[in-house]
Amino acid sequence: MDTEAQPTERDRSSPPGSPGAEGRSRSALVARITEWLPGGRITLTLVACLAFLLLLNTFVLQPFQIPSGSMEQGLRIGDRVLVNKLAYRFGAQPRRGDVIVFDGTGYFGDADYIKRVVGVGGDRVVCCDKNGRIGVNGRPVDETAFLYPGDSASSVPFDVVVPAGRLFVLGDHRSRSSDSRDHLGSPGGGMVPVGEVIGRADWIVWPYDRLTHLSRPSAYARVPAAPAEGGHG
């Protein structure tokens, strides 16, 4: 008489905790979810893609639509740019010439703005010299590569020192831009806190025929570092 016990279904399955059991558990969970969701796997795939895009938008890249002509002619009304939200993480700081998007609440207005960084903490920014140019730390800056044709560097004279942790920003279309010049007498003196910067605009992505990488202009490359504290004349 054969007394050997015949294996049951439970005996033949992988023991709990084995890799095979875990894989089947995940597959069963996905199967249950797809059965519950209208549209099944297609809907689940769409939800996963949306979750990925949400995380991407929150932490890495954010689209931004140009709302005004203040950054013409480089950025036109309706252009969409990709804002690199990691550009100033991990210790990096905005640099002169960067095009940034920032939250202007309490400084410019209750909205996000896009402007070009002209001065960083410690810089002395002056306008204008006898040739109509802005000076940063005593060095005149040739802005003709990005300044709107026919615009002067500024119709408003100024001589400011940018506090530490803040930025002096201007639009490229100076005659149509509300920027640091217009808020010198406001709380914060028109200077944008670095902490309010959302990110750096790196690409024009729409319309497709304007696909362009927004590189930092060379005009600021020769600007010297800010003088030591107390060294401004």
C-alpha atoms as a PDB file:
ATOM      1  CA  MET A   1       0.000   0.000   0.000  1.00  0.00           C
ATOM      2  CA  ASP A   2       1.399   3.356  -1.006  1.00  0.00           C
ATOM      3  CA  THR A   3       1.384   5.509   2.118  1.00  0.00           C
ATOM      4  CA  GLU A   4       3.187   8.573   0.679  1.00  0.00           C
ATOM      5  CA  ALA A   5       1.033  11.662   1.107  1.00  0.00           C
ATOM      6  CA  GLN A   6      -0.021  13.331  -2.103  1.00  0.00           C
ATOM      7  CA  PRO A   7       0.951  17.053  -2.278  1.00  0.00           C
ATOM      8  CA  THR A   8      -1.939  19.480  -1.970  1.00  0.00           C
ATOM      9  CA  GLU A   9      -2.284  22.702  -3.970  1.00  0.00           C
ATOM     10  CA  ARG A  10      -0.783  24.634  -1.040  1.00  0.00           C
ATOM     11  CA  ASP A  11       2.161  22.227  -0.875  1.00  0.00           C
ATOM     12  CA  ARG A  12       2.927  22.684  -4.589  1.00  0.00           C
ATOM     13  CA  SER A  13       2.930  26.496  -4.409  1.00  0.00           C
ATOM     14  CA  SER A  14       5.999  28.494  -3.462  1.00  0.00           C
ATOM     15  CA  PRO A  15       6.434  28.999   0.286  1.00  0.00           C
ATOM     16  CA  PRO A  16       5.315  32.375   1.658  1.00  0.00           C
ATOM     17  CA  GLY A  17       8.020  35.012   1.372  1.00  0.00           C
ATOM     18  CA  SER A  18       9.715  33.450  -1.656  1.00  0.00           C
ATOM     19  CA  PRO A  19      10.455  35.687  -4.676  1.00  0.00           C
ATOM     20  CA  GLY A  20       7.963  33.767  -6.777  1.00  0.00           C
ATOM     21  CA  ALA A  21       5.200  34.288  -4.220  1.00  0.00           C
ATOM     22  CA  GLU A  22       5.913  38.009  -4.003  1.00  0.00           C
ATOM     23  CA  GLY A  23       5.841  38.349  -7.788  1.00  0.00           C
ATOM     24  CA  ARG A  24       2.507  36.568  -7.967  1.00  0.00           C
ATOM     25  CA  SER A  25       1.154  38.758  -5.175  1.00  0.00           C
ATOM     26  CA  ARG A  26       2.084  41.917  -7.075  1.00  0.00           C
ATOM     27  CA  SER A  27       0.608  40.516 -10.276  1.00  0.00           C
ATOM     28  CA  ALA A  28      -2.585  39.633  -8.443  1.00  0.00           C
ATOM     29  CA  LEU A  29      -2.755  43.132  -6.949  1.00  0.00           C
ATOM     30  CA  VAL A  30      -2.312  44.732 -10.391  1.00  0.00           C
ATOM     31  CA  ALA A  31      -4.955  42.396 -11.781  1.00  0.00           C
ATOM     32  CA  ARG A  32      -7.414  43.360  -9.037  1.00  0.00           C
ATOM     33  CA  ILE A  33      -6.733  47.079  -9.628  1.00  0.00           C
ATOM     34  CA  THR A  34      -7.202  46.790 -13.379  1.00  0.00           C
ATOM     35  CA  GLU A  35     -10.452  44.891 -12.826  1.00  0.00           C
ATOM     36  CA  TRP A  36     -11.682  47.643 -10.526  1.00  0.00           C
ATOM     37  CA  LEU A  37     -10.661  50.548 -12.792  1.00  0.00           C
ATOM     38  CA  PRO A  38     -12.880  51.401 -15.754  1.00  0.00           C
ATOM     39  CA  GLY A  39     -10.738  50.840 -18.814  1.00  0.00           C
ATOM     40  CA  GLY A  40      -8.452  48.352 -17.082  1.00  0.00           C
ATOM     41  CA  ARG A  41      -4.746  48.456 -17.907  1.00  0.00           C
ATOM     42  CA  ILE A  42      -5.085  51.460 -20.217  1.00  0.00           C
ATOM     43  CA  THR A  43      -6.524  53.555 -17.385  1.00  0.00           C
ATOM     44  CA  LEU A  44      -3.869  52.285 -14.966  1.00  0.00           C
ATOM     45  CA  THR A  45      -1.134  53.238 -17.435  1.00  0.00           C
ATOM     46  CA  LEU A  46      -2.617  56.717 -17.874  1.00  0.00           C
ATOM     47  CA  VAL A  47      -2.833  57.203 -14.100  1.00  0.00           C
ATOM     48  CA  ALA A  48       0.800  56.136 -13.696  1.00  0.00           C
ATOM     49  CA  CYS A  49       1.865  58.552 -16.449  1.00  0.00           C
ATOM     50  CA  LEU A  50      -0.070  61.401 -14.852  1.00  0.00           C
ATOM     51  CA  ALA A  51       1.502  60.662 -11.471  1.00  0.00           C
ATOM     52  CA  PHE A  52       4.951  60.693 -13.082  1.00  0.00           C
ATOM     53  CA  LEU A  53       4.234  64.022 -14.822  1.00  0.00           C
ATOM     54  CA  LEU A  54       2.958  65.498 -11.557  1.00  0.00           C
ATOM     55  CA  LEU A  55       6.151  64.514  -9.760  1.00  0.00           C
ATOM     56  CA  LEU A  56       8.220  65.845 -12.667  1.00  0.00           C
ATOM     57  CA  ASN A  57       6.332  69.152 -12.599  1.00  0.00           C
ATOM     58  CA  THR A  58       6.633  69.463  -8.823  1.00  0.00           C
ATOM     59  CA  PHE A  59      10.305  68.671  -8.424  1.00  0.00           C
ATOM     60  CA  VAL A  60      12.165  68.821 -11.760  1.00  0.00           C
ATOM     61  CA  LEU A  61      10.654  70.701 -14.718  1.00  0.00           C
ATOM     62  CA  GLN A  62       7.734  73.096 -14.877  1.00  0.00           C
ATOM     63  CA  PRO A  63       6.209  74.641 -18.013  1.00  0.00           C
ATOM     64  CA  PHE A  64       5.645  78.394 -17.897  1.00  0.00           C
ATOM     65  CA  GLN A  65       3.746  80.478 -20.441  1.00  0.00           C
ATOM     66  CA  ILE A  66       5.102  83.955 -21.197  1.00  0.00           C
ATOM     67  CA  PRO A  67       2.302  86.344 -20.173  1.00  0.00           C
ATOM     68  CA  SER A  68       3.629  89.673 -21.440  1.00  0.00           C
ATOM     69  CA  GLY A  69       6.125  91.347 -23.739  1.00  0.00           C
ATOM     70  CA  SER A  70       8.550  92.246 -20.952  1.00  0.00           C
ATOM     71  CA  MET A  71      11.161  89.726 -22.160  1.00  0.00           C
ATOM     72  CA  GLU A  72      10.926  90.418 -25.888  1.00  0.00           C
ATOM     73  CA  GLN A  73      12.461  89.900 -28.262  1.00  0.00           C
ATOM     74  CA  GLY A  74      13.932  86.676 -26.903  1.00  0.00           C
ATOM     75  CA  LEU A  75      10.685  85.534 -25.298  1.00  0.00           C
ATOM     76  CA  ARG A  76       7.383  86.405 -26.935  1.00  0.00           C
ATOM     77  CA  ILE A  77       3.862  86.476 -25.545  1.00  0.00           C
ATOM     78  CA  GLY A  78       2.478  82.941 -25.605  1.00  0.00           C
ATOM     79  CA  ASP A  79       5.849  81.190 -25.746  1.00  0.00           C
ATOM     80  CA  ARG A  80       6.137  78.249 -23.388  1.00  0.00           C
ATOM     81  CA  VAL A  81       9.385  77.666 -21.595  1.00  0.00           C
ATOM     82  CA  LEU A  82      10.614  74.803 -19.459  1.00  0.00           C
ATOM     83  CA  VAL A  83      11.759  75.905 -16.026  1.00  0.00           C
ATOM     84  CA  ASN A  84      14.546  73.841 -14.508  1.00  0.00           C
ATOM     85  CA  LYS A  85      13.608  73.547 -10.828  1.00  0.00           C
ATOM     86  CA  LEU A  86      16.827  71.729  -9.949  1.00  0.00           C
ATOM     87  CA  ALA A  87      19.100  74.467 -11.312  1.00  0.00           C
ATOM     88  CA  TYR A  88      19.516  76.134  -7.914  1.00  0.00           C
ATOM     89  CA  ARG A  89      19.286  73.121  -5.674  1.00  0.00           C
ATOM     90  CA  PHE A  90      22.214  71.378  -4.033  1.00  0.00           C
ATOM     91  CA  GLY A  91      24.045  74.631  -3.315  1.00  0.00           C
ATOM     92  CA  ALA A  92      23.912  76.321  -6.728  1.00  0.00           C
ATOM     93  CA  GLN A  93      22.877  79.982  -6.890  1.00  0.00           C
ATOM     94  CA  PRO A  94      21.368  82.187  -9.627  1.00  0.00           C
ATOM     95  CA  ARG A  95      24.019  83.890 -11.748  1.00  0.00           C
ATOM     96  CA  ARG A  96      24.059  87.184 -13.623  1.00  0.00           C
ATOM     97  CA  GLY A  97      22.421  86.740 -17.003  1.00  0.00           C
ATOM     98  CA  ASP A  98      20.178  83.826 -15.997  1.00  0.00           C
ATOM     99  CA  VAL A  99      16.513  84.059 -16.978  1.00  0.00           C
ATOM    100  CA  ILE A 100      14.550  83.046 -13.892  1.00  0.00           C
ATOM    101  CA  VAL A 101      10.940  82.466 -12.902  1.00  0.00           C
ATOM    102  CA  PHE A 102      10.061  83.576  -9.392  1.00  0.00           C
ATOM    103  CA  ASP A 103       7.097  84.095  -7.097  1.00  0.00           C
ATOM    104  CA  GLY A 104       6.571  87.840  -6.865  1.00  0.00           C
ATOM    105  CA  THR A 105       4.027  87.731  -4.050  1.00  0.00           C
ATOM    106  CA  GLY A 106       4.750  90.562  -1.648  1.00  0.00           C
ATOM    107  CA  TYR A 107       7.464  92.023  -3.870  1.00  0.00           C
ATOM    108  CA  PHE A 108       6.121  92.513  -7.405  1.00  0.00           C
ATOM    109  CA  GLY A 109       2.539  91.244  -7.220  1.00  0.00           C
ATOM    110  CA  ASP A 110       0.560  88.081  -6.592  1.00  0.00           C
ATOM    111  CA  ALA A 111       1.882  86.130  -9.578  1.00  0.00           C
ATOM    112  CA  ASP A 112       4.911  84.373 -11.013  1.00  0.00           C
ATOM    113  CA  TYR A 113       7.274  86.512 -13.077  1.00  0.00           C
ATOM    114  CA  ILE A 114      10.076  85.878 -15.547  1.00  0.00           C
ATOM    115  CA  LYS A 115      13.056  88.268 -15.667  1.00  0.00           C
ATOM    116  CA  ARG A 116      16.797  88.332 -16.220  1.00  0.00           C
ATOM    117  CA  VAL A 117      19.202  88.440 -13.279  1.00  0.00           C
ATOM    118  CA  VAL A 118      21.393  91.559 -13.518  1.00  0.00           C
ATOM    119  CA  GLY A 119      22.793  91.708 -10.004  1.00  0.00           C
ATOM    120  CA  VAL A 120      23.328  89.138  -7.242  1.00  0.00           C
ATOM    121  CA  GLY A 121      23.976  89.619  -3.545  1.00  0.00           C
ATOM    122  CA  GLY A 122      26.696  92.202  -2.890  1.00  0.00           C
ATOM    123  CA  ASP A 123      26.692  93.647  -6.419  1.00  0.00           C
ATOM    124  CA  ARG A 124      26.510  97.376  -7.042  1.00  0.00           C
ATOM    125  CA  VAL A 125      24.270  98.008 -10.071  1.00  0.00           C
ATOM    126  CA  VAL A 126      24.303 101.489 -11.612  1.00  0.00           C
ATOM    127  CA  CYS A 127      22.536 103.068 -14.568  1.00  0.00           C
ATOM    128  CA  CYS A 128      23.660 104.555 -16.642  1.00  0.00           C
ATOM    129  CA  ASP A 129      27.162 105.506 -17.775  1.00  0.00           C
ATOM    130  CA  LYS A 130      27.909 108.151 -20.450  1.00  0.00           C
ATOM    131  CA  ASN A 131      27.332 105.507 -23.132  1.00  0.00           C
ATOM    132  CA  GLY A 132      23.936 104.542 -21.717  1.00  0.00           C
ATOM    133  CA  ARG A 133      25.078 101.210 -20.319  1.00  0.00           C
ATOM    134  CA  ILE A 134      24.328  99.512 -17.025  1.00  0.00           C
ATOM    135  CA  GLY A 135      27.364  98.958 -14.818  1.00  0.00           C
ATOM    136  CA  VAL A 136      27.833  96.074 -12.399  1.00  0.00           C
ATOM    137  CA  ASN A 137      30.653  96.376  -9.867  1.00  0.00           C
ATOM    138  CA  GLY A 138      32.218  99.101 -11.953  1.00  0.00           C
ATOM    139  CA  ARG A 139      32.147  97.148 -15.235  1.00  0.00           C
ATOM    140  CA  PRO A 140      29.833  98.337 -18.056  1.00  0.00           C
ATOM    141  CA  VAL A 141      27.657  95.577 -19.504  1.00  0.00           C
ATOM    142  CA  ASP A 142      26.954  95.428 -23.238  1.00  0.00           C
ATOM    143  CA  GLU A 143      23.358  94.209 -23.414  1.00  0.00           C
ATOM    144  CA  THR A 144      22.835  94.635 -27.154  1.00  0.00           C
ATOM    145  CA  ALA A 145      22.650  90.857 -27.709  1.00  0.00           C
ATOM    146  CA  PHE A 146      19.391  90.568 -25.766  1.00  0.00           C
ATOM    147  CA  LEU A 147      18.050  94.084 -25.125  1.00  0.00           C
ATOM    148  CA  TYR A 148      14.943  94.888 -27.176  1.00  0.00           C
ATOM    149  CA  PRO A 149      15.925  96.864 -30.295  1.00  0.00           C
ATOM    150  CA  GLY A 150      15.453 100.586 -29.775  1.00  0.00           C
ATOM    151  CA  ASP A 151      15.230 100.334 -25.980  1.00  0.00           C
ATOM    152  CA  SER A 152      17.685 102.086 -23.707  1.00  0.00           C
ATOM    153  CA  ALA A 153      19.206 100.220 -20.791  1.00  0.00           C
ATOM    154  CA  SER A 154      16.856 102.178 -18.524  1.00  0.00           C
ATOM    155  CA  SER A 155      14.909 105.397 -18.605  1.00  0.00           C
ATOM    156  CA  VAL A 156      15.098 105.427 -14.806  1.00  0.00           C
ATOM    157  CA  PRO A 157      18.499 106.119 -13.227  1.00  0.00           C
ATOM    158  CA  PHE A 158      19.476 103.993 -10.245  1.00  0.00           C
ATOM    159  CA  ASP A 159      22.450 103.165  -8.081  1.00  0.00           C
ATOM    160  CA  VAL A 160      21.804 100.212  -5.785  1.00  0.00           C
ATOM    161  CA  VAL A 161      23.667  97.609  -3.808  1.00  0.00           C
ATOM    162  CA  VAL A 162      21.956  94.216  -3.838  1.00  0.00           C
ATOM    163  CA  PRO A 163      21.579  92.757  -0.328  1.00  0.00           C
ATOM    164  CA  ALA A 164      22.893  89.271   0.374  1.00  0.00           C
ATOM    165  CA  GLY A 165      20.442  86.556  -0.601  1.00  0.00           C
ATOM    166  CA  ARG A 166      18.586  88.802  -3.073  1.00  0.00           C
ATOM    167  CA  LEU A 167      18.571  89.493  -6.802  1.00  0.00           C
ATOM    168  CA  PHE A 168      18.207  92.611  -8.954  1.00  0.00           C
ATOM    169  CA  VAL A 169      16.193  91.619 -12.037  1.00  0.00           C
ATOM    170  CA  LEU A 170      15.205  93.388 -15.247  1.00  0.00           C
ATOM    171  CA  GLY A 171      13.130  92.549 -18.307  1.00  0.00           C
ATOM    172  CA  ASP A 172      14.843  92.563 -21.708  1.00  0.00           C
ATOM    173  CA  HIS A 173      12.140  94.842 -23.125  1.00  0.00           C
ATOM    174  CA  ARG A 174      12.881  97.623 -20.650  1.00  0.00           C
ATOM    175  CA  SER A 175      10.188 100.031 -21.864  1.00  0.00           C
ATOM    176  CA  ARG A 176       7.502  97.376 -21.252  1.00  0.00           C
ATOM    177  CA  SER A 177       8.871  95.708 -18.146  1.00  0.00           C
ATOM    178  CA  SER A 178       7.851  96.211 -14.540  1.00  0.00           C
ATOM    179  CA  ASP A 179      10.907  95.007 -12.663  1.00  0.00           C
ATOM    180  CA  SER A 180      13.327  95.860  -9.858  1.00  0.00           C
ATOM    181  CA  ARG A 181      13.573  99.486 -11.055  1.00  0.00           C
ATOM    182  CA  ASP A 182       9.864 100.040 -10.439  1.00  0.00           C
ATOM    183  CA  HIS A 183       9.912  98.701  -6.896  1.00  0.00           C
ATOM    184  CA  LEU A 184      12.992 100.358  -5.432  1.00  0.00           C
ATOM    185  CA  GLY A 185      10.812 102.200  -2.926  1.00  0.00           C
ATOM    186  CA  SER A 186       8.647  99.176  -2.100  1.00  0.00           C
ATOM    187  CA  PRO A 187       9.186  96.675   0.737  1.00  0.00           C
ATOM    188  CA  GLY A 188      12.266  94.696  -0.188  1.00  0.00           C
ATOM    189  CA  GLY A 189      13.511  97.489  -2.448  1.00  0.00           C
ATOM    190  CA  GLY A 190      12.614  95.635  -5.634  1.00  0.00           C
ATOM    191  CA  MET A 191      15.096  92.877  -4.833  1.00  0.00           C
ATOM    192  CA  VAL A 192      13.847  89.307  -5.220  1.00  0.00           C
ATOM    193  CA  PRO A 193      14.771  86.839  -2.451  1.00  0.00           C
ATOM    194  CA  VAL A 194      16.670  83.854  -3.812  1.00  0.00           C
ATOM    195  CA  GLY A 195      14.264  81.658  -1.864  1.00  0.00           C
ATOM    196  CA  GLU A 196      11.376  82.839  -4.052  1.00  0.00           C
ATOM    197  CA  VAL A 197      13.051  81.663  -7.262  1.00  0.00           C
ATOM    198  CA  ILE A 198      11.143  78.744  -8.780  1.00  0.00           C
ATOM    199  CA  GLY A 199      13.832  77.874 -11.288  1.00  0.00           C
ATOM    200  CA  ARG A 200      15.809  78.831 -14.365  1.00  0.00           C
ATOM    201  CA  ALA A 201      14.157  79.033 -17.779  1.00  0.00           C
ATOM    202  CA  ASP A 202      16.290  76.732 -19.939  1.00  0.00           C
ATOM    203  CA  TRP A 203      14.276  76.014 -23.099  1.00  0.00           C
ATOM    204  CA  ILE A 204      11.605  77.503 -25.309  1.00  0.00           C
ATOM    205  CA  VAL A 205       9.527  74.417 -26.177  1.00  0.00           C
ATOM    206  CA  TRP A 206       6.467  75.935 -27.862  1.00  0.00           C
ATOM    207  CA  PRO A 207       5.792  76.816 -30.600  1.00  0.00           C
ATOM    208  CA  TYR A 208       7.990  74.102 -32.063  1.00  0.00           C
ATOM    209  CA  ASP A 209       9.532  76.356 -34.671  1.00  0.00           C
ATOM    210  CA  ARG A 210      10.989  78.426 -31.820  1.00  0.00           C
ATOM    211  CA  LEU A 211      12.563  75.507 -29.980  1.00  0.00           C
ATOM    212  CA  THR A 212      15.630  77.130 -28.418  1.00  0.00           C
ATOM    213  CA  HIS A 213      18.011  76.586 -25.542  1.00  0.00           C
ATOM    214  CA  LEU A 214      18.240  79.726 -23.409  1.00  0.00           C
ATOM    215  CA  SER A 215      21.928  80.047 -22.676  1.00  0.00           C
ATOM    216  CA  ARG A 216      23.530  82.579 -20.341  1.00  0.00           C
ATOM    217  CA  PRO A 217      24.809  85.567 -22.403  1.00  0.00           C
ATOM    218  CA  SER A 218      28.497  86.336 -22.359  1.00  0.00           C
ATOM    219  CA  ALA A 219      27.852  90.014 -21.521  1.00  0.00           C
ATOM    220  CA  TYR A 220      28.283  89.339 -17.798  1.00  0.00           C
ATOM    221  CA  ALA A 221      31.334  87.096 -18.075  1.00  0.00           C
ATOM    222  CA  ARG A 222      33.777  89.941 -17.406  1.00  0.00           C
ATOM    223  CA  VAL A 223      31.870  91.449 -14.480  1.00  0.00           C
ATOM    224  CA  PRO A 224      34.124  91.255 -11.407  1.00  0.00           C
ATOM    225  CA  ALA A 225      33.011  89.716  -8.158  1.00  0.00           C
ATOM    226  CA  ALA A 226      31.168  91.938  -5.716  1.00  0.00           C
ATOM    227  CA  PRO A 227      33.421  93.996  -3.428  1.00  0.00           C
ATOM    228  CA  ALA A 228      33.817  92.859   0.142  1.00  0.00           C
ATOM    229  CA  GLU A 229      31.195  94.154   2.566  1.00  0.00           C
ATOM    230  CA  GLY A 230      31.770  97.818   3.265  1.00  0.00           C
ATOM    231  CA  GLY A 231      33.922  98.252   0.193  1.00  0.00           C
ATOM    232  CA  HIS A 232      31.343  99.995  -1.995  1.00  0.00           C
ATOM    233  CA  GLY A 233      32.177 103.542  -2.965  1.00  0.00           C
END
